[in-house]
Amino acid sequence: MPDLPGRRPLDPRLLRAFLAVAEELHFTRAAARLYVAQQALSRDVRRLERELGAELFVRTTRLVTLTADGERLVPYARRVLDAQDELLAAFGQARPLLVDLNSPGLATGRRVLYRARELAPEHEIMARFESGLTGAAAELLAGRLDASFGRYAGLDPALRAMLDHQFVRYEPMAVVLPEGHPLAPLPQVPLAALEGETVYAGAGNPRTPEWTDLAHRLFDGRGIAVAPPAPLAVGVEEFERLMAKTGHPVLAVVGFPPLPRTVVRPLVDPVPLSPVSLVWRRGLVHPAFDALRRAAAEVAAREGWFLRPETGWIPAIDESAANRSIPFTIDLHDS
């Protein structure tokens, strides 16, 4: 409903001043009850009378009594102030901070989440699993999710324009191989050893195009093909079945959780790095959000997540995005 011409919204403070005087019928006692000076209380009552265009009290040197308009205002003032108190109580206990960890078992987001819970034990910080930053971005912008982890530079520019990020980690990449694959016995897999291979990197998954794009950039000019789109495997059993059926290695990170009849081998020469950021929608306000950002900065500093191997590889677009991220400065001696 639009405001009436010439009418300004009433300040609830004025109604609280009025109600205190109406209940005490004494300006000095009412001022003491509200912990304000009597002059300030009288000024608020006079202002309310001007804004309503009605005299609310009859004042004499000995008595304060309500006028007919004052009597009429009492129930309205109580309803307005009760509603305000109810609203403040509802938001006094913040809703949970919802943090997407992409997939169960991945270490980066999980370790940050655990530390954030230690820093803000009075707040509920809950994990979600959206399996891809592009998929999570839609939830972030809709307000159904507060933060996520992933490759910020791989998002569509239109999405990046509505999101902010804090760089967290250069995460070394790996390859998941069936146990019987010729490269499985190696402790590390040189990138050149994948020449001629077709590697699955989520092609066709609408929730993870940022990961497929990273694979294309890594494999370009190295004779490694990105596997064509395949049905999305949901659950360990389906993932294992499709791996056995296709025989394709799977591009992953070194912290990828082990699966039955597979091995995870770090990639080297060079060491490809997956850039991980904490990502959130611009303007996010939540009392636990600073704890999450601080946790990301603390864990990254202590674990050396910002350090790049001498032979590390990362696309220029990701390096530029990392340099433009919003840092969270900490003093580890105080944490």
Protein backbone atom coordinates (compact mmCIF):
# COMPACT_ATOMS: atom_id res chain seq x y z
CA MET A 1 0.00 0.00 0.00
CA PRO A 2 1.50 3.40 -0.93
CA ASP A 3 2.04 6.06 1.73
CA LEU A 4 -0.73 8.62 1.98
CA PRO A 5 0.23 12.03 0.60
CA GLY A 6 1.78 14.17 3.32
CA ARG A 7 1.94 11.26 5.80
CA ARG A 8 5.28 9.99 7.09
CA PRO A 9 5.68 6.57 8.73
CA LEU A 10 5.45 6.80 12.52
CA ASP A 11 8.64 6.14 14.44
CA PRO A 12 7.90 3.23 16.83
CA ARG A 13 9.99 5.05 19.45
CA LEU A 14 7.29 7.72 19.67
CA LEU A 15 4.62 5.08 20.27
CA ARG A 16 6.80 3.47 22.96
CA ALA A 17 7.15 6.86 24.67
CA PHE A 18 3.40 7.43 24.49
CA LEU A 19 2.56 3.99 25.87
CA ALA A 20 4.96 4.36 28.80
CA VAL A 21 3.31 7.64 29.82
CA ALA A 22 -0.18 6.21 29.23
CA GLU A 23 0.57 3.31 31.54
CA GLU A 24 2.44 5.28 34.22
CA LEU A 25 0.39 8.52 33.95
CA HIS A 26 3.57 10.17 35.17
CA PHE A 27 6.30 11.61 32.94
CA THR A 28 9.14 11.16 35.46
CA ARG A 29 8.36 7.49 36.10
CA ALA A 30 7.84 6.84 32.38
CA ALA A 31 11.22 8.45 31.56
CA ALA A 32 12.96 6.30 34.20
CA ARG A 33 11.29 3.17 32.79
CA LEU A 34 12.61 3.96 29.29
CA TYR A 35 16.04 5.13 30.55
CA VAL A 36 15.67 8.50 28.84
CA ALA A 37 15.68 12.08 30.08
CA GLN A 38 12.25 13.52 30.95
CA GLN A 39 12.79 16.37 28.50
CA ALA A 40 13.44 13.90 25.66
CA LEU A 41 10.33 11.92 26.58
CA SER A 42 8.15 15.06 26.62
CA ARG A 43 9.60 16.06 23.26
CA ASP A 44 8.71 12.67 21.73
CA VAL A 45 5.14 12.84 23.03
CA ARG A 46 4.68 16.34 21.62
CA ARG A 47 6.09 15.21 18.27
CA LEU A 48 3.65 12.29 18.18
CA GLU A 49 0.75 14.64 18.95
CA ARG A 50 1.82 16.89 16.05
CA GLU A 51 2.15 13.98 13.63
CA LEU A 52 -1.27 12.56 14.59
CA GLY A 53 -2.92 15.96 14.83
CA ALA A 54 -4.42 15.04 18.20
CA GLU A 55 -3.91 15.94 21.85
CA LEU A 56 -3.13 12.73 23.74
CA PHE A 57 -2.72 13.90 27.36
CA VAL A 58 -4.10 16.54 29.67
CA ARG A 59 -1.21 17.77 31.81
CA THR A 60 -1.50 19.71 35.03
CA THR A 61 1.11 20.35 37.72
CA ARG A 62 -0.25 17.36 39.65
CA LEU A 63 -1.93 15.01 37.18
CA VAL A 64 -1.47 13.45 33.75
CA THR A 65 -4.60 11.94 32.19
CA LEU A 66 -5.41 10.50 28.81
CA THR A 67 -7.70 12.37 26.45
CA ALA A 68 -10.32 10.53 24.42
CA ASP A 69 -7.85 10.40 21.49
CA GLY A 70 -5.18 9.09 23.87
CA GLU A 71 -7.51 6.31 25.02
CA ARG A 72 -8.25 5.49 21.39
CA LEU A 73 -4.53 5.27 20.52
CA VAL A 74 -3.57 2.84 23.32
CA PRO A 75 -4.69 -0.44 21.67
CA TYR A 76 -3.23 0.59 18.31
CA ALA A 77 0.12 1.46 19.90
CA ARG A 78 0.21 -1.87 21.74
CA ARG A 79 -0.48 -3.85 18.55
CA VAL A 80 2.23 -2.00 16.61
CA LEU A 81 4.84 -2.46 19.35
CA ASP A 82 3.91 -6.11 19.90
CA ALA A 83 4.35 -6.73 16.18
CA GLN A 84 7.74 -5.00 16.24
CA ASP A 85 8.86 -7.09 19.23
CA GLU A 86 7.68 -10.25 17.49
CA LEU A 87 9.62 -9.34 14.34
CA LEU A 88 12.82 -8.63 16.28
CA ALA A 89 12.49 -11.88 18.21
CA ALA A 90 12.05 -13.83 14.98
CA PHE A 91 15.26 -12.41 13.55
CA GLY A 92 17.17 -12.49 16.80
CA GLN A 93 17.88 -16.18 16.08
CA ALA A 94 19.48 -16.17 12.64
CA ARG A 95 18.54 -18.80 10.11
CA PRO A 96 21.27 -21.34 9.31
CA LEU A 97 24.11 -20.27 7.03
CA LEU A 98 23.88 -22.71 4.09
CA VAL A 99 27.26 -23.62 2.61
CA ASP A 100 27.67 -25.78 -0.49
CA LEU A 101 30.63 -28.19 -0.38
CA ASN A 102 30.03 -29.44 -3.96
CA SER A 103 30.31 -33.15 -3.12
CA PRO A 104 30.65 -35.23 0.06
CA GLY A 105 34.22 -36.17 0.85
CA LEU A 106 36.01 -33.21 -0.76
CA ALA A 107 38.43 -31.80 1.80
CA THR A 108 38.69 -28.07 1.02
CA GLY A 109 35.16 -26.93 1.83
CA ARG A 110 34.72 -29.48 4.60
CA ARG A 111 37.78 -28.27 6.53
CA VAL A 112 36.74 -24.64 6.17
CA LEU A 113 33.23 -25.50 7.37
CA TYR A 114 34.53 -27.33 10.46
CA ARG A 115 36.71 -24.36 11.41
CA ALA A 116 33.84 -21.90 10.87
CA ARG A 117 31.71 -23.91 13.29
CA GLU A 118 34.48 -23.63 15.89
CA LEU A 119 34.66 -19.86 15.38
CA ALA A 120 30.88 -19.33 15.59
CA PRO A 121 29.44 -22.08 17.83
CA GLU A 122 26.37 -19.95 18.58
CA HIS A 123 25.26 -20.12 14.92
CA GLU A 124 24.08 -23.02 12.79
CA ILE A 125 26.28 -23.50 9.70
CA MET A 126 24.92 -26.29 7.51
CA ALA A 127 26.44 -28.16 4.57
CA ARG A 128 24.75 -28.59 1.22
CA PHE A 129 25.94 -30.55 -1.83
CA GLU A 130 25.16 -28.97 -5.20
CA SER A 131 27.88 -30.82 -7.20
CA GLY A 132 29.16 -27.88 -9.22
CA LEU A 133 29.65 -24.14 -8.86
CA THR A 134 27.51 -23.26 -11.89
CA GLY A 135 24.66 -25.26 -10.42
CA ALA A 136 25.19 -23.67 -7.03
CA ALA A 137 25.28 -20.15 -8.51
CA ALA A 138 21.59 -20.29 -9.39
CA GLU A 139 20.83 -21.24 -5.79
CA LEU A 140 23.08 -18.46 -4.48
CA LEU A 141 21.35 -15.81 -6.55
CA ALA A 142 17.90 -17.12 -5.55
CA GLY A 143 18.82 -16.85 -1.86
CA ARG A 144 18.38 -20.59 -1.29
CA LEU A 145 22.11 -20.99 -0.64
CA ASP A 146 24.60 -18.59 0.97
CA ALA A 147 28.07 -19.69 -0.14
CA SER A 148 29.81 -22.28 -2.29
CA PHE A 149 33.30 -23.39 -3.30
CA GLY A 150 34.67 -23.72 -6.81
CA ARG A 151 36.31 -22.22 -9.86
CA TYR A 152 35.02 -18.64 -9.96
CA ALA A 153 36.76 -17.74 -13.25
CA GLY A 154 34.93 -20.59 -14.98
CA LEU A 155 31.51 -19.06 -14.36
CA ASP A 156 29.62 -17.19 -17.04
CA PRO A 157 30.54 -13.46 -16.85
CA ALA A 158 26.87 -12.59 -16.19
CA LEU A 159 26.97 -14.78 -13.08
CA ARG A 160 30.32 -13.41 -11.92
CA ALA A 161 28.89 -9.89 -12.09
CA MET A 162 26.40 -10.79 -9.33
CA LEU A 163 28.80 -12.74 -7.12
CA ASP A 164 31.88 -12.04 -4.99
CA HIS A 165 34.65 -14.44 -4.11
CA GLN A 166 37.59 -14.99 -1.76
CA PHE A 167 40.41 -17.07 -3.20
CA VAL A 168 41.10 -20.10 -0.99
CA ARG A 169 43.35 -22.67 -2.64
CA TYR A 170 45.45 -23.88 -5.53
CA GLU A 171 44.31 -27.53 -5.37
CA PRO A 172 46.55 -30.03 -7.23
CA MET A 173 44.69 -32.09 -9.79
CA ALA A 174 44.68 -35.84 -10.21
CA VAL A 175 43.28 -38.59 -12.37
CA VAL A 176 41.05 -41.44 -11.19
CA LEU A 177 41.96 -44.70 -12.94
CA PRO A 178 40.41 -48.16 -12.98
CA GLU A 179 42.67 -50.58 -11.11
CA GLY A 180 43.49 -52.41 -14.35
CA HIS A 181 44.52 -49.30 -16.30
CA PRO A 182 48.15 -49.36 -17.58
CA LEU A 183 48.92 -46.12 -15.71
CA ALA A 184 47.47 -47.31 -12.38
CA PRO A 185 50.79 -48.75 -11.06
CA LEU A 186 52.48 -45.32 -11.30
CA PRO A 187 52.61 -43.28 -8.04
CA GLN A 188 52.18 -40.13 -10.13
CA VAL A 189 50.96 -39.71 -13.70
CA PRO A 190 52.91 -37.34 -15.98
CA LEU A 191 50.50 -35.33 -18.07
CA ALA A 192 52.29 -36.50 -21.23
CA ALA A 193 51.41 -40.10 -20.31
CA LEU A 194 47.73 -39.27 -20.95
CA GLU A 195 48.41 -38.47 -24.62
CA GLY A 196 45.96 -40.44 -26.72
CA GLU A 197 43.61 -40.98 -23.77
CA THR A 198 40.02 -39.84 -23.53
CA VAL A 199 39.39 -38.40 -20.05
CA TYR A 200 36.01 -37.79 -18.49
CA ALA A 201 35.62 -34.21 -17.17
CA GLY A 202 31.87 -33.75 -16.76
CA ALA A 203 31.09 -32.75 -20.35
CA GLY A 204 27.37 -32.21 -20.77
CA ASN A 205 26.69 -31.79 -17.05
CA PRO A 206 24.90 -28.42 -16.82
CA ARG A 207 26.00 -28.03 -13.18
CA THR A 208 29.76 -28.25 -13.84
CA PRO A 209 30.72 -26.50 -17.12
CA GLU A 210 33.45 -24.60 -15.24
CA TRP A 211 35.21 -27.94 -14.59
CA THR A 212 34.89 -29.11 -18.21
CA ASP A 213 36.27 -25.76 -19.37
CA LEU A 214 39.31 -26.22 -17.10
CA ALA A 215 39.91 -29.66 -18.61
CA HIS A 216 39.77 -28.28 -22.16
CA ARG A 217 42.33 -25.61 -21.24
CA LEU A 218 44.60 -28.22 -19.63
CA PHE A 219 44.39 -30.80 -22.43
CA ASP A 220 44.64 -28.33 -25.33
CA GLY A 221 47.71 -29.14 -27.47
CA ARG A 222 48.62 -32.23 -25.41
CA GLY A 223 46.78 -34.86 -27.44
CA ILE A 224 44.27 -35.58 -24.65
CA ALA A 225 40.58 -35.68 -25.49
CA VAL A 226 37.69 -34.72 -23.23
CA ALA A 227 35.17 -37.57 -23.11
CA PRO A 228 31.84 -36.75 -24.77
CA PRO A 229 28.74 -36.21 -22.64
CA ALA A 230 27.57 -39.26 -20.74
CA PRO A 231 24.58 -39.94 -18.50
CA LEU A 232 25.11 -38.28 -15.13
CA ALA A 233 26.12 -40.92 -12.59
CA VAL A 234 24.44 -40.38 -9.24
CA GLY A 235 25.96 -42.33 -6.36
CA VAL A 236 29.12 -44.40 -5.95
CA GLU A 237 27.72 -47.55 -7.56
CA GLU A 238 26.61 -45.78 -10.74
CA PHE A 239 29.90 -43.89 -11.00
CA GLU A 240 31.88 -47.12 -10.60
CA ARG A 241 29.69 -48.91 -13.18
CA LEU A 242 30.15 -46.21 -15.81
CA MET A 243 33.91 -46.12 -15.22
CA ALA A 244 34.09 -49.89 -15.73
CA LYS A 245 31.94 -49.63 -18.87
CA THR A 246 33.87 -46.81 -20.58
CA GLY A 247 37.34 -47.40 -19.15
CA HIS A 248 37.93 -43.64 -19.26
CA PRO A 249 40.16 -42.00 -16.67
CA VAL A 250 38.38 -39.25 -14.74
CA LEU A 251 39.85 -35.81 -14.09
CA ALA A 252 39.71 -35.02 -10.36
CA VAL A 253 41.66 -33.38 -7.52
CA VAL A 254 44.16 -35.04 -5.19
CA GLY A 255 41.62 -35.05 -2.35
CA PHE A 256 39.04 -36.98 -4.37
CA PRO A 257 37.59 -39.68 -2.10
CA PRO A 258 38.66 -43.24 -3.03
CA LEU A 259 36.13 -45.45 -4.81
CA PRO A 260 36.04 -49.24 -5.06
CA ARG A 261 38.34 -50.74 -7.74
CA THR A 262 39.88 -47.38 -8.63
CA VAL A 263 43.06 -45.49 -7.76
CA VAL A 264 43.67 -41.73 -7.52
CA ARG A 265 46.99 -40.58 -8.96
CA PRO A 266 48.36 -36.99 -8.82
CA LEU A 267 49.15 -35.38 -12.17
CA VAL A 268 52.67 -33.98 -12.66
CA ASP A 269 54.98 -32.39 -15.24
CA PRO A 270 53.40 -29.84 -14.93
CA VAL A 271 51.28 -29.99 -11.77
CA PRO A 272 47.84 -28.76 -12.91
CA LEU A 273 46.10 -26.68 -10.26
CA SER A 274 42.37 -26.31 -9.71
CA PRO A 275 41.71 -22.80 -8.32
CA VAL A 276 39.16 -22.87 -5.50
CA SER A 277 37.33 -19.80 -4.21
CA LEU A 278 34.69 -19.22 -1.57
CA VAL A 279 31.84 -17.68 -3.59
CA TRP A 280 28.77 -15.77 -2.39
CA ARG A 281 26.11 -13.44 -3.76
CA ARG A 282 26.88 -9.75 -3.51
CA GLY A 283 25.32 -8.04 -0.51
CA LEU A 284 25.05 -11.23 1.58
CA VAL A 285 24.35 -10.43 5.25
CA HIS A 286 24.49 -13.14 7.91
CA PRO A 287 26.01 -13.06 11.42
CA ALA A 288 28.05 -16.24 10.72
CA PHE A 289 29.40 -15.13 7.34
CA ASP A 290 32.50 -13.40 8.72
CA ALA A 291 33.33 -16.59 10.62
CA LEU A 292 33.16 -18.57 7.37
CA ARG A 293 35.45 -16.10 5.57
CA ARG A 294 37.87 -16.04 8.49
CA ALA A 295 37.90 -19.84 8.61
CA ALA A 296 38.77 -19.99 4.90
CA ALA A 297 41.66 -17.55 5.39
CA GLU A 298 42.96 -19.33 8.49
CA VAL A 299 42.89 -22.84 7.04
CA ALA A 300 44.41 -21.68 3.74
CA ALA A 301 47.28 -19.91 5.51
CA ARG A 302 48.04 -22.80 7.86
CA GLU A 303 47.86 -25.48 5.18
CA GLY A 304 49.87 -23.52 2.61
CA TRP A 305 46.99 -23.56 0.14
CA PHE A 306 48.16 -20.31 -1.46
CA LEU A 307 51.57 -21.80 -2.39
CA ARG A 308 52.09 -22.85 -5.99
CA PRO A 309 54.53 -25.63 -6.99
CA GLU A 310 57.40 -24.48 -9.20
CA THR A 311 55.95 -26.60 -11.99
CA GLY A 312 52.37 -25.55 -11.28
CA TRP A 313 49.98 -24.83 -14.16
CA ILE A 314 46.94 -22.58 -14.03
CA PRO A 315 45.07 -20.69 -16.78
CA ALA A 316 45.79 -16.97 -16.98
CA ILE A 317 42.10 -16.17 -16.51
CA ASP A 318 42.13 -17.98 -13.15
CA GLU A 319 45.32 -16.30 -11.99
CA SER A 320 43.78 -12.93 -12.80
CA ALA A 321 40.57 -13.82 -10.92
CA ALA A 322 42.56 -14.96 -7.87
CA ASN A 323 44.44 -11.65 -7.83
CA ARG A 324 41.14 -9.71 -7.95
CA SER A 325 39.39 -11.67 -5.20
CA ILE A 326 38.31 -10.06 -1.93
CA PRO A 327 40.91 -10.96 0.73
CA PHE A 328 40.14 -11.57 4.39
CA THR A 329 43.09 -10.38 6.46
CA ILE A 330 43.91 -12.34 9.61
CA ASP A 331 46.60 -12.39 12.28
CA LEU A 332 47.38 -16.04 12.94
CA HIS A 333 48.83 -15.14 16.36
CA ASP A 334 45.34 -14.02 17.45
CA SER A 335 43.43 -16.98 16.00
